[in-house]
Protein backbone atom coordinates (compact mmCIF):
# COMPACT_ATOMS: atom_id res chain seq x y z
CA MET A 1 106.05 -93.23 -17.08
CA GLY A 2 106.14 -96.48 -19.07
CA PRO A 3 106.02 -96.60 -22.87
CA TYR A 4 102.33 -97.56 -22.96
CA ALA A 5 101.33 -94.75 -20.57
CA ALA A 6 103.44 -92.31 -22.58
CA LEU A 7 101.72 -93.38 -25.80
CA VAL A 8 98.28 -92.84 -24.29
CA PHE A 9 99.41 -89.47 -22.91
CA VAL A 10 100.62 -88.34 -26.33
CA LEU A 11 97.49 -89.59 -28.07
CA LEU A 12 95.23 -87.83 -25.64
CA PHE A 13 97.04 -84.51 -25.99
CA SER A 14 97.38 -84.81 -29.77
CA SER A 15 93.67 -85.56 -30.10
CA SER A 16 92.51 -82.66 -27.99
CA CYS A 17 91.06 -79.58 -29.59
CA ASP A 18 89.79 -76.25 -28.33
CA GLY A 19 86.59 -76.71 -26.38
CA GLY A 20 83.75 -77.09 -28.84
CA LYS A 21 79.98 -76.99 -28.60
CA VAL A 22 78.19 -80.30 -28.91
CA LEU A 23 74.42 -80.72 -29.27
CA VAL A 24 73.20 -84.11 -28.02
CA TYR A 25 69.86 -85.74 -28.86
CA PRO A 26 69.73 -88.96 -26.81
CA VAL A 27 67.44 -91.96 -26.62
CA ASP A 28 66.09 -92.56 -23.12
CA GLY A 29 66.43 -95.69 -21.00
CA SER A 30 69.54 -97.87 -21.12
CA HIS A 31 70.63 -96.04 -24.29
CA TRP A 32 71.06 -92.89 -22.21
CA LEU A 33 73.36 -94.74 -19.81
CA ASN A 34 75.70 -95.23 -22.78
CA MET A 35 75.34 -91.67 -24.03
CA LYS A 36 75.89 -90.25 -20.56
CA ILE A 37 79.37 -91.82 -20.45
CA LEU A 38 80.29 -90.08 -23.71
CA VAL A 39 78.82 -86.79 -22.50
CA GLU A 40 80.87 -86.93 -19.30
CA ALA A 41 84.05 -87.82 -21.23
CA LEU A 42 83.55 -84.90 -23.63
CA HIS A 43 82.85 -82.55 -20.73
CA SER A 44 86.09 -83.65 -19.07
CA GLN A 45 87.92 -82.55 -22.23
CA GLY A 46 86.52 -79.04 -21.93
CA HIS A 47 83.66 -79.24 -24.41
CA GLU A 48 80.35 -77.47 -23.82
CA ILE A 49 77.51 -79.98 -24.01
CA THR A 50 73.82 -79.24 -24.52
CA VAL A 51 71.36 -82.11 -24.22
CA LEU A 52 67.89 -81.99 -25.76
CA ARG A 53 65.53 -83.89 -23.47
CA SER A 54 61.82 -84.59 -23.41
CA SER A 55 59.63 -83.32 -20.59
CA THR A 56 58.58 -86.96 -20.07
CA SER A 57 62.17 -88.23 -19.84
CA TRP A 58 62.74 -90.84 -17.16
CA TYR A 59 66.55 -91.10 -17.21
CA VAL A 60 67.88 -87.84 -18.66
CA ALA A 61 68.16 -85.39 -15.75
CA GLU A 62 67.28 -81.76 -16.39
CA VAL A 63 70.13 -80.53 -14.17
CA SER A 64 73.65 -81.93 -14.44
CA PRO A 65 77.19 -80.69 -13.78
CA HIS A 66 78.25 -82.16 -17.13
CA TYR A 67 75.79 -80.56 -19.52
CA ASN A 68 73.16 -77.90 -20.03
CA SER A 69 69.72 -79.12 -20.97
CA ILE A 70 66.88 -77.92 -23.16
CA THR A 71 63.58 -79.54 -22.26
CA ILE A 72 61.07 -80.09 -25.06
CA THR A 73 57.44 -80.27 -23.96
CA GLN A 74 55.94 -83.62 -24.90
CA GLU A 75 52.34 -84.53 -24.13
CA GLU A 76 52.68 -88.24 -24.91
CA SER A 77 55.62 -90.31 -23.68
CA GLN A 78 57.15 -93.33 -25.39
CA ASN A 79 55.75 -96.59 -24.07
CA ILE A 80 59.25 -98.03 -23.61
CA GLU A 81 59.69 -95.46 -20.82
CA SER A 82 56.87 -97.08 -18.83
CA GLN A 83 57.65 -99.82 -16.31
CA ALA A 84 54.04 -101.04 -16.49
CA PHE A 85 54.05 -101.22 -20.29
CA MET A 86 57.38 -103.07 -20.46
CA THR A 87 56.21 -105.58 -17.84
CA SER A 88 53.06 -106.20 -19.89
CA PHE A 89 55.05 -106.42 -23.14
CA LEU A 90 57.47 -108.90 -21.56
CA LYS A 91 54.61 -111.06 -20.25
CA LYS A 92 53.01 -111.23 -23.68
CA SER A 93 56.35 -111.95 -25.35
CA ILE A 94 56.96 -114.90 -23.02
CA GLU A 95 53.46 -116.24 -23.70
CA ILE A 96 54.11 -116.09 -27.46
CA ARG A 97 57.47 -117.85 -27.09
CA GLN A 98 55.79 -120.77 -25.33
CA TYR A 99 54.40 -121.72 -28.74
CA LYS A 100 57.68 -121.20 -30.58
CA SER A 101 57.24 -124.25 -32.83
CA SER A 102 53.96 -122.88 -34.16
CA PRO A 103 53.77 -120.65 -37.28
CA TRP A 104 51.28 -118.57 -35.30
CA SER A 105 53.97 -117.65 -32.77
CA PHE A 106 56.30 -116.35 -35.51
CA PHE A 107 53.78 -113.87 -36.87
CA GLU A 108 52.35 -113.01 -33.45
CA PHE A 109 55.88 -112.23 -32.23
CA TYR A 110 56.42 -109.74 -35.04
CA ARG A 111 52.91 -108.30 -34.73
CA ASN A 112 53.51 -107.63 -31.03
CA LEU A 113 56.91 -106.11 -31.77
CA PHE A 114 55.74 -104.01 -34.71
CA ASN A 115 52.83 -102.54 -32.74
CA MET A 116 55.19 -101.45 -29.97
CA ILE A 117 57.75 -99.99 -32.39
CA ARG A 118 55.11 -98.21 -34.50
CA GLU A 119 53.70 -96.40 -31.46
CA ASN A 120 57.16 -95.30 -30.29
CA GLN A 121 58.25 -94.04 -33.70
CA GLN A 122 55.05 -92.02 -34.10
CA VAL A 123 55.61 -90.34 -30.73
CA VAL A 124 59.21 -89.42 -31.62
CA ALA A 125 58.19 -88.11 -35.05
CA LYS A 126 55.61 -85.83 -33.40
CA LEU A 127 58.29 -84.54 -31.03
CA VAL A 128 60.55 -83.68 -33.97
CA VAL A 129 57.75 -81.76 -35.67
CA SER A 130 57.16 -79.78 -32.48
CA ILE A 131 60.85 -78.83 -32.47
CA PHE A 132 60.78 -77.78 -36.13
CA GLU A 133 57.68 -75.66 -35.52
CA ASN A 134 59.24 -73.94 -32.51
CA LYS A 135 60.90 -71.13 -34.48
CA THR A 136 62.34 -69.51 -31.35
CA LEU A 137 64.08 -72.73 -30.32
CA VAL A 138 65.36 -73.42 -33.84
CA LYS A 139 66.73 -69.89 -34.07
CA GLU A 140 68.49 -70.33 -30.71
CA LEU A 141 70.00 -73.65 -31.83
CA ARG A 142 71.24 -72.13 -35.08
CA GLU A 143 72.73 -69.04 -33.44
CA THR A 144 74.56 -71.01 -30.72
CA GLY A 145 77.01 -72.25 -33.33
CA TYR A 146 77.31 -75.92 -32.45
CA ASP A 147 80.30 -77.76 -33.88
CA LEU A 148 78.79 -81.22 -33.84
CA PHE A 149 75.55 -83.15 -33.39
CA LEU A 150 75.73 -86.39 -31.36
CA THR A 151 72.75 -88.75 -31.35
CA ASP A 152 71.58 -92.34 -31.04
CA PRO A 153 69.67 -93.19 -34.25
CA ALA A 154 67.59 -96.05 -32.81
CA PHE A 155 64.80 -93.47 -32.84
CA PRO A 156 66.07 -91.11 -35.55
CA GLY A 157 64.55 -87.84 -34.40
CA GLY A 158 68.05 -86.52 -33.86
CA VAL A 159 69.02 -87.48 -37.42
CA LEU A 160 66.27 -85.27 -38.85
CA LEU A 161 67.15 -82.38 -36.52
CA ALA A 162 70.85 -82.59 -37.41
CA HIS A 163 69.95 -82.33 -41.11
CA TYR A 164 67.60 -79.43 -40.38
CA LEU A 165 70.43 -77.59 -38.57
CA GLN A 166 73.08 -78.72 -41.12
CA LEU A 167 75.53 -79.93 -38.46
CA PRO A 168 78.25 -82.63 -38.70
CA LEU A 169 76.63 -85.83 -37.45
CA VAL A 170 78.10 -88.51 -35.16
CA PHE A 171 76.25 -91.63 -34.01
CA ASN A 172 76.51 -93.49 -30.73
CA VAL A 173 74.89 -96.56 -32.21
CA ARG A 174 74.14 -100.23 -32.27
CA TRP A 175 70.54 -100.32 -33.44
CA LEU A 176 68.61 -98.37 -36.06
CA PHE A 177 64.88 -98.12 -36.60
CA SER A 178 65.43 -100.70 -39.36
CA GLY A 179 67.37 -103.25 -37.28
CA GLU A 180 71.07 -103.82 -36.59
CA ALA A 181 73.09 -100.78 -37.66
CA HIS A 182 75.64 -102.51 -39.91
CA PHE A 183 72.91 -103.55 -42.34
CA ALA A 184 72.33 -99.90 -43.29
CA ILE A 185 75.93 -98.96 -44.00
CA ALA A 186 78.10 -102.02 -44.70
CA PRO A 187 77.83 -105.08 -46.97
CA SER A 188 76.04 -107.75 -44.96
CA PRO A 189 76.08 -111.17 -46.69
CA LEU A 190 73.26 -113.23 -45.21
CA SER A 191 75.32 -116.38 -45.74
CA TYR A 192 77.35 -115.66 -42.61
CA VAL A 193 75.94 -112.44 -41.07
CA PRO A 194 72.97 -113.44 -38.88
CA GLN A 195 70.00 -111.10 -38.85
CA LEU A 196 68.33 -109.86 -35.68
CA PHE A 197 65.99 -112.42 -34.02
CA SER A 198 67.47 -115.31 -36.03
CA HIS A 199 69.43 -116.54 -32.97
CA TYR A 200 72.07 -117.92 -35.36
CA SER A 201 75.85 -117.74 -35.24
CA ASP A 202 78.06 -117.00 -38.24
CA LYS A 203 78.11 -120.74 -39.05
CA MET A 204 74.81 -121.52 -40.80
CA ASP A 205 73.71 -124.53 -42.79
CA ILE A 206 71.46 -124.18 -45.86
CA PHE A 207 68.25 -124.31 -43.81
CA GLN A 208 69.51 -121.65 -41.42
CA ARG A 209 70.59 -119.44 -44.32
CA PHE A 210 67.11 -119.81 -45.76
CA SER A 211 65.60 -118.82 -42.41
CA ASN A 212 68.08 -115.95 -42.11
CA MET A 213 66.71 -114.49 -45.35
CA ILE A 214 63.19 -114.71 -43.94
CA TYR A 215 64.24 -112.84 -40.79
CA HIS A 216 65.94 -110.26 -42.99
CA SER A 217 62.75 -109.88 -45.02
CA MET A 218 60.84 -109.12 -41.81
CA MET A 219 63.32 -106.36 -40.98
CA VAL A 220 62.91 -104.90 -44.47
CA TYR A 221 59.13 -104.99 -44.00
CA MET A 222 59.50 -103.29 -40.60
CA TYR A 223 61.51 -100.47 -42.16
CA TYR A 224 59.11 -99.75 -45.04
CA TYR A 225 55.77 -100.27 -43.30
CA VAL A 226 56.34 -99.81 -39.56
CA SER A 227 59.30 -97.62 -38.61
CA ASN A 228 59.91 -95.29 -41.54
CA PRO A 229 56.47 -93.90 -42.49
CA PRO A 230 56.21 -91.37 -39.58
CA TYR A 231 59.69 -90.01 -40.31
CA GLN A 232 59.27 -90.07 -44.08
CA ALA A 233 56.22 -87.85 -43.66
CA VAL A 234 58.44 -85.36 -41.79
CA CYS A 235 61.10 -85.57 -44.52
CA ASP A 236 58.52 -85.00 -47.26
CA LYS A 237 57.13 -81.94 -45.49
CA TYR A 238 60.38 -80.23 -44.47
CA PHE A 239 63.08 -81.58 -46.82
CA GLY A 240 61.29 -82.65 -49.99
CA HIS A 241 60.28 -85.99 -51.47
CA ASN A 242 63.82 -86.78 -52.68
CA VAL A 243 65.15 -87.08 -49.11
CA SER A 244 64.67 -90.30 -47.11
CA THR A 245 65.35 -90.95 -43.45
CA LEU A 246 67.66 -93.84 -44.31
CA SER A 247 69.73 -91.71 -46.69
CA LEU A 248 70.23 -89.14 -43.91
CA ILE A 249 71.35 -91.93 -41.59
CA GLN A 250 73.74 -93.33 -44.19
CA GLY A 251 75.16 -89.84 -44.71
CA ALA A 252 76.35 -89.51 -41.09
CA ASP A 253 80.01 -88.56 -40.72
CA LEU A 254 80.97 -91.07 -38.02
CA TRP A 255 79.48 -94.21 -36.47
CA LEU A 256 80.66 -95.00 -32.93
CA MET A 257 79.52 -98.62 -32.88
CA ARG A 258 78.84 -100.07 -29.44
CA VAL A 259 80.21 -103.51 -30.29
CA ASP A 260 83.56 -105.24 -30.15
CA PHE A 261 84.71 -108.18 -32.25
CA THR A 262 85.59 -110.15 -29.15
CA LEU A 263 81.81 -110.56 -28.87
CA GLU A 264 80.44 -109.68 -32.30
CA PHE A 265 80.94 -112.09 -35.19
CA PRO A 266 83.48 -110.84 -37.81
CA ARG A 267 81.82 -109.09 -40.74
CA PRO A 268 82.47 -106.39 -43.40
CA THR A 269 82.66 -102.82 -42.16
CA MET A 270 83.34 -99.26 -43.39
CA PRO A 271 86.05 -96.60 -42.83
CA ASN A 272 83.82 -94.26 -40.82
CA VAL A 273 82.82 -96.96 -38.31
CA VAL A 274 84.75 -96.89 -35.03
CA TYR A 275 84.19 -99.78 -32.62
CA ILE A 276 83.81 -98.75 -28.98
CA GLY A 277 82.22 -101.89 -27.50
CA GLY A 278 82.85 -102.06 -23.77
CA PHE A 279 83.62 -98.34 -23.47
CA GLN A 280 81.79 -98.35 -20.13
CA GLY A 281 84.32 -100.81 -18.66
CA LYS A 282 86.28 -99.43 -15.72
CA ALA A 283 87.95 -100.50 -12.51
CA PRO A 284 85.50 -101.37 -9.70
CA ARG A 285 84.92 -99.05 -6.79
CA PRO A 286 84.59 -100.32 -3.19
CA LEU A 287 81.17 -101.74 -2.32
CA ALA A 288 78.94 -100.37 0.40
CA SER A 289 79.81 -101.82 3.80
CA ASP A 290 76.71 -104.05 4.12
CA LEU A 291 77.13 -105.43 0.60
CA GLU A 292 80.88 -105.94 1.10
CA GLU A 293 80.22 -107.81 4.34
CA PHE A 294 77.72 -110.12 2.62
CA VAL A 295 80.09 -110.78 -0.30
CA GLN A 296 83.01 -111.56 2.01
CA SER A 297 80.84 -114.00 3.98
CA SER A 298 80.70 -116.24 0.88
CA GLY A 299 84.09 -117.71 1.70
CA GLU A 300 85.75 -119.90 -0.92
CA HIS A 301 82.49 -120.47 -2.81
CA GLY A 302 82.14 -116.86 -3.93
CA VAL A 303 79.14 -114.88 -5.14
CA VAL A 304 76.57 -115.13 -7.93
CA VAL A 305 75.17 -111.82 -9.17
CA MET A 306 71.77 -111.59 -10.86
CA THR A 307 70.09 -108.61 -12.50
CA LEU A 308 67.69 -108.38 -15.43
CA GLY A 309 68.07 -104.68 -16.11
CA THR A 310 65.95 -101.71 -15.10
CA LEU A 311 62.75 -102.35 -17.01
CA LEU A 312 62.61 -106.15 -16.90
CA SER A 313 63.29 -106.99 -13.27
CA ASP A 314 59.79 -108.26 -12.45
CA LEU A 315 59.30 -111.71 -14.00
CA GLY A 316 56.23 -112.48 -11.95
CA PRO A 317 55.86 -114.67 -8.84
CA GLU A 318 55.93 -118.06 -10.59
CA ILE A 319 59.30 -117.58 -12.32
CA SER A 320 60.71 -115.72 -9.30
CA GLU A 321 59.95 -118.71 -7.06
CA ILE A 322 61.76 -121.04 -9.50
CA ILE A 323 64.83 -118.79 -9.51
CA ALA A 324 64.81 -118.44 -5.70
CA SER A 325 64.59 -122.22 -5.24
CA ALA A 326 67.48 -122.83 -7.64
CA PHE A 327 69.65 -120.26 -5.86
CA ALA A 328 68.91 -121.96 -2.54
CA ASN A 329 70.40 -125.19 -3.98
CA ILE A 330 73.91 -123.81 -4.56
CA PRO A 331 76.63 -123.14 -1.96
CA GLN A 332 77.44 -119.68 -3.29
CA LYS A 333 76.00 -116.47 -1.87
CA VAL A 334 73.67 -114.65 -4.28
CA VAL A 335 73.05 -110.93 -4.77
CA TRP A 336 69.81 -110.57 -6.72
CA ARG A 337 68.36 -107.30 -7.96
CA HIS A 338 64.69 -108.13 -7.58
CA ILE A 339 61.56 -106.04 -7.99
CA GLY A 340 58.28 -107.43 -6.71
CA LYS A 341 57.04 -109.70 -3.95
CA ARG A 342 59.70 -111.51 -1.91
CA PRO A 343 59.80 -115.19 -3.03
CA VAL A 344 58.62 -117.68 -0.39
CA THR A 345 61.36 -120.16 -1.38
CA LEU A 346 64.19 -117.64 -0.96
CA GLY A 347 67.23 -119.23 0.70
CA ASN A 348 69.38 -117.77 3.46
CA ASN A 349 72.22 -117.45 0.95
CA THR A 350 70.39 -114.85 -1.17
CA MET A 351 70.30 -111.08 -0.66
CA LEU A 352 67.57 -109.14 -2.48
CA VAL A 353 68.36 -105.56 -3.46
CA GLU A 354 66.38 -102.97 -5.41
CA TRP A 355 69.55 -101.60 -6.99
CA LEU A 356 73.12 -102.80 -7.23
CA PRO A 357 76.38 -101.28 -8.49
CA GLN A 358 76.69 -103.69 -11.40
CA ASN A 359 80.19 -102.79 -12.60
CA ASP A 360 81.61 -102.68 -9.07
CA ILE A 361 80.24 -106.04 -7.96
CA LEU A 362 81.18 -107.73 -11.26
CA GLY A 363 84.72 -106.49 -10.67
CA HIS A 364 84.85 -107.93 -7.15
CA PRO A 365 87.25 -110.91 -6.85
CA LYS A 366 84.56 -112.96 -5.06
CA THR A 367 82.14 -112.81 -8.01
CA LYS A 368 81.99 -116.17 -9.82
CA LEU A 369 78.95 -115.90 -12.11
CA PHE A 370 76.69 -113.28 -13.68
CA VAL A 371 73.04 -114.23 -14.28
CA THR A 372 71.58 -111.76 -16.75
CA HIS A 373 68.94 -111.14 -19.41
CA GLY A 374 71.71 -110.52 -21.94
CA GLY A 375 71.72 -106.72 -22.24
CA THR A 376 74.74 -105.35 -24.09
CA ASN A 377 75.97 -103.14 -21.24
CA GLY A 378 76.03 -105.96 -18.71
CA LEU A 379 77.67 -108.43 -21.08
CA TYR A 380 80.54 -106.08 -21.88
CA GLU A 381 81.05 -105.39 -18.18
CA ALA A 382 81.17 -109.16 -17.58
CA ILE A 383 83.72 -109.53 -20.38
CA TYR A 384 85.79 -106.65 -19.02
CA HIS A 385 85.93 -108.24 -15.55
CA GLY A 386 86.20 -111.86 -16.78
CA VAL A 387 82.99 -113.20 -15.21
CA PRO A 388 81.19 -116.15 -16.92
CA VAL A 389 77.53 -115.67 -17.77
CA LEU A 390 74.28 -117.58 -17.45
CA GLY A 391 71.75 -115.96 -19.75
CA ILE A 392 67.99 -115.80 -19.33
CA PRO A 393 67.24 -113.79 -22.48
CA LEU A 394 63.83 -112.17 -22.57
CA ILE A 395 63.18 -109.75 -25.47
CA PHE A 396 64.73 -107.66 -28.25
CA ASP A 397 68.39 -108.43 -29.02
CA GLN A 398 69.05 -110.37 -25.80
CA PRO A 399 68.74 -113.92 -27.27
CA ASP A 400 71.09 -112.96 -30.13
CA ASN A 401 73.57 -111.45 -27.68
CA MET A 402 73.59 -114.65 -25.66
CA VAL A 403 74.12 -116.77 -28.80
CA ARG A 404 77.32 -114.81 -29.36
CA MET A 405 78.43 -115.34 -25.76
CA LYS A 406 77.74 -119.07 -25.96
CA ALA A 407 79.64 -119.30 -29.26
CA ARG A 408 82.68 -117.89 -27.43
CA GLY A 409 82.43 -120.64 -24.80
CA VAL A 410 81.85 -118.22 -21.92
CA ALA A 411 78.12 -118.65 -21.30
CA GLU A 412 75.12 -120.94 -21.23
CA ILE A 413 71.50 -120.11 -21.97
CA VAL A 414 68.30 -121.18 -20.22
CA ASP A 415 64.89 -120.65 -21.80
CA VAL A 416 62.56 -118.65 -19.58
CA THR A 417 59.52 -120.40 -21.12
CA THR A 418 60.65 -123.87 -19.98
CA LEU A 419 62.42 -122.84 -16.79
CA ASP A 420 62.19 -125.18 -13.79
CA VAL A 421 64.15 -125.59 -10.58
CA ASP A 422 66.14 -128.65 -11.68
CA SER A 423 67.24 -127.28 -15.07
CA LEU A 424 68.25 -123.91 -13.60
CA THR A 425 70.11 -125.53 -10.69
CA SER A 426 71.93 -127.81 -13.12
CA ALA A 427 72.91 -124.85 -15.34
CA LEU A 428 74.20 -122.87 -12.35
CA LYS A 429 76.30 -125.76 -11.02
CA ASN A 430 77.63 -126.53 -14.51
CA ILE A 431 79.05 -123.03 -15.09
CA LEU A 432 80.29 -122.73 -11.49
CA ASP A 433 82.15 -126.05 -11.75
CA PRO A 434 85.89 -125.11 -11.73
CA LYS A 435 86.63 -128.12 -13.94
CA LYS A 436 84.56 -126.62 -16.76
CA PRO A 437 86.29 -124.15 -19.12
CA TYR A 438 83.88 -121.19 -18.76
CA LYS A 439 86.09 -119.18 -16.40
CA GLN A 440 89.25 -119.81 -18.43
CA ASN A 441 87.50 -118.93 -21.69
CA MET A 442 86.13 -115.72 -20.22
CA HIS A 443 89.56 -114.79 -18.85
CA LYS A 444 90.99 -115.18 -22.36
CA LEU A 445 88.13 -113.17 -23.86
CA SER A 446 88.72 -110.43 -21.31
CA GLN A 447 92.41 -110.29 -22.25
CA LEU A 448 91.52 -109.95 -25.94
CA HIS A 449 88.97 -107.25 -25.15
CA ARG A 450 91.41 -105.19 -23.09
CA ASP A 451 94.38 -105.57 -25.46
CA LYS A 452 94.00 -102.30 -27.40
CA PRO A 453 96.31 -99.35 -28.09
CA MET A 454 93.63 -97.00 -26.73
CA LYS A 455 90.71 -97.52 -24.39
CA PRO A 456 87.39 -97.50 -26.27
CA ILE A 457 86.23 -94.31 -24.51
CA GLU A 458 89.48 -92.56 -25.49
CA SER A 459 89.01 -93.69 -29.07
CA ALA A 460 85.44 -92.35 -29.04
CA VAL A 461 86.55 -88.94 -27.77
CA PHE A 462 89.41 -88.77 -30.29
CA TRP A 463 87.14 -89.42 -33.27
CA ILE A 464 84.42 -87.04 -32.06
CA GLU A 465 87.05 -84.32 -31.78
CA TYR A 466 88.42 -85.36 -35.19
CA VAL A 467 85.02 -84.63 -36.76
CA MET A 468 84.87 -81.31 -34.89
CA ARG A 469 88.34 -80.26 -36.06
CA HIS A 470 87.64 -81.08 -39.70
CA LYS A 471 83.99 -79.97 -39.79
CA GLY A 472 82.92 -83.47 -40.74
CA ALA A 473 84.49 -86.62 -42.15
CA ALA A 474 83.13 -86.84 -45.69
CA HIS A 475 86.33 -88.47 -46.95
CA LEU A 476 85.59 -91.53 -44.80
CA ARG A 477 81.99 -91.83 -45.96
CA THR A 478 81.06 -94.04 -48.89
CA GLU A 479 78.92 -92.51 -51.60
CA SER A 480 76.98 -95.74 -52.03
CA TYR A 481 73.95 -94.35 -50.20
CA LYS A 482 73.41 -91.88 -53.04
CA LEU A 483 73.02 -94.70 -55.54
CA PRO A 484 69.60 -96.15 -56.37
CA TRP A 485 69.20 -99.76 -55.26
CA TYR A 486 69.54 -101.15 -58.77
CA ALA A 487 72.82 -99.25 -59.32
CA TYR A 488 74.18 -100.33 -55.91
CA HIS A 489 73.71 -103.98 -56.88
CA CYS A 490 74.88 -103.30 -60.48
CA LEU A 491 71.59 -104.57 -61.84
CA ASP A 492 71.74 -101.87 -64.53
CA VAL A 493 75.20 -103.11 -65.56
CA MET A 494 73.97 -106.69 -65.63
CA ALA A 495 71.00 -105.56 -67.69
CA VAL A 496 73.39 -103.96 -70.24
CA PHE A 497 75.47 -107.16 -70.37
CA LEU A 498 72.30 -109.18 -70.80
CA ALA A 499 71.11 -106.87 -73.57
CA PHE A 500 74.46 -107.13 -75.36
CA GLY A 501 74.40 -110.90 -74.97
CA LEU A 502 70.90 -111.13 -76.38
CA LEU A 503 71.85 -108.77 -79.24
CA ILE A 504 74.93 -110.80 -80.14
CA THR A 505 72.93 -114.01 -79.90
CA ALA A 506 70.25 -112.55 -82.15
CA LEU A 507 72.86 -111.36 -84.68
CA VAL A 508 74.54 -114.76 -84.72
CA TRP A 509 71.16 -116.47 -85.10
CA VAL A 510 70.09 -114.17 -87.96
CA SER A 511 73.48 -114.52 -89.66
CA CYS A 512 73.38 -118.30 -89.40
CA ARG A 513 69.84 -118.36 -90.69
CA CYS A 514 70.81 -116.17 -93.68
CA LEU A 515 73.84 -118.35 -94.41
CA ILE A 516 71.74 -121.51 -94.25
CA ARG A 517 69.11 -120.01 -96.56
CA ARG A 518 71.83 -118.85 -98.98
CA PHE A 519 73.42 -122.30 -98.91
CA ILE A 520 70.08 -123.98 -99.59
CA TRP A 521 69.27 -121.51 -102.40
CA THR A 522 72.71 -122.03 -103.99
CA LYS A 523 72.33 -125.79 -103.82
CA LYS A 524 68.87 -125.63 -105.39
CA SER A 525 70.18 -123.38 -108.19
CA ALA A 526 73.03 -125.79 -108.93
CA SER A 527 70.65 -128.76 -109.08
CA LYS A 528 68.36 -126.87 -111.44
CA SER A 529 71.27 -125.97 -113.75
CA LYS A 530 72.32 -129.66 -113.96
CA SER A 531 68.84 -130.85 -114.81
CA GLU A 532 68.61 -128.35 -117.65
């Protein structure tokens, strides 16, 4: 056993604790794919996991060898769980982006986004109320004696339930209902911390900083008038008017942040934030025989892999034909996860699949390029395996993710609204050109990402068990969230200084005025005495 292996062995054993009981409230979709990895890791350490799932859940299975489940009846599902809705939302988003230089497109983009978010938050808030009103379920949850509550606060139903049950709270987090998670807990200077949807890097000129403040203002508006009202109504009813959803979020014991500073821009952080970006990275498993045979047939040219995630795979026939034609123009073989009608222009070098083992094929030595929408999971898997990226960002955080990848010199971006065969072919050949530095840059980024004393998943398990052992981690949590906004920014202190300054100025002014009057009176008296 080498020194590194011995260190990991010691850390793992020193971090272990007696099997505890963990209550998990996940977010469905791709967020569950992240949570599932944590659930399986905790189960492997001997912990008893219970997952609260909705009856409309698409991803979260009711039966699993890694956890017990409690299914909550839900009449109305979230629209983000619908393939048809997401396809429609994507189509409208692309149409809006086609007029990106117009002021109309800016407000229409946010109107479209806010409507979608408002509907989802209302559905989740109703689900939380149904849990609170189910006295039998609440009694069962209280009597089970859970040691810890694990949730994703993007839809903060779990945050409210954890407070209701008074359990230590741990987040598996990147996004909140108010935007990027750091903005709620850590200082976030807008001079070099880009806000969501700004598409800026950490190097901004004065015009970009001005725009960054506008984007930040839209996120503030979203919190107060779109996302928070349904949850604040729940807080007011069950916790009192002095409790806000954001204060409950800020009071969490531990934040397992799904980012890594090999990708994320450097920024201020807090002691109870643990970075686990890329925790899904792992060695590839062998491919299925038919897929392996196709990959090996690529010869020295290698393979291009394309997938746009689970909910966004259908871009429509027009864009699909453009992509198929561009793939037919390159010598590489292509594995494309495609949903929808088979493109007429599809080349003999392209294999269409309805599902692909993303991590395993990205880790294959024949893979030369990853074409993706820019989802976080896929990007970190590409970084882990050292595969350059061509991004076709579509919605949500994907354009911002790709800006970060491009800033690292490991990716290029093509705009789906202006996509044509020539521009896409040129972008593909540019990144695949061995003379270009994309592969070398990504290899270096992969080395930086992997060079850690503990694997991200091991770090996540250690800190979850840390919170369980100590019944929380209040000593790591700043008390700033308990301060009113004016105290947080020291506006009250500045007001006192200003008052003192004005008082001193007034005293000096009055004193000077009195002295001047006395001098004038004395001079007049002396003149009068002389004349007499």
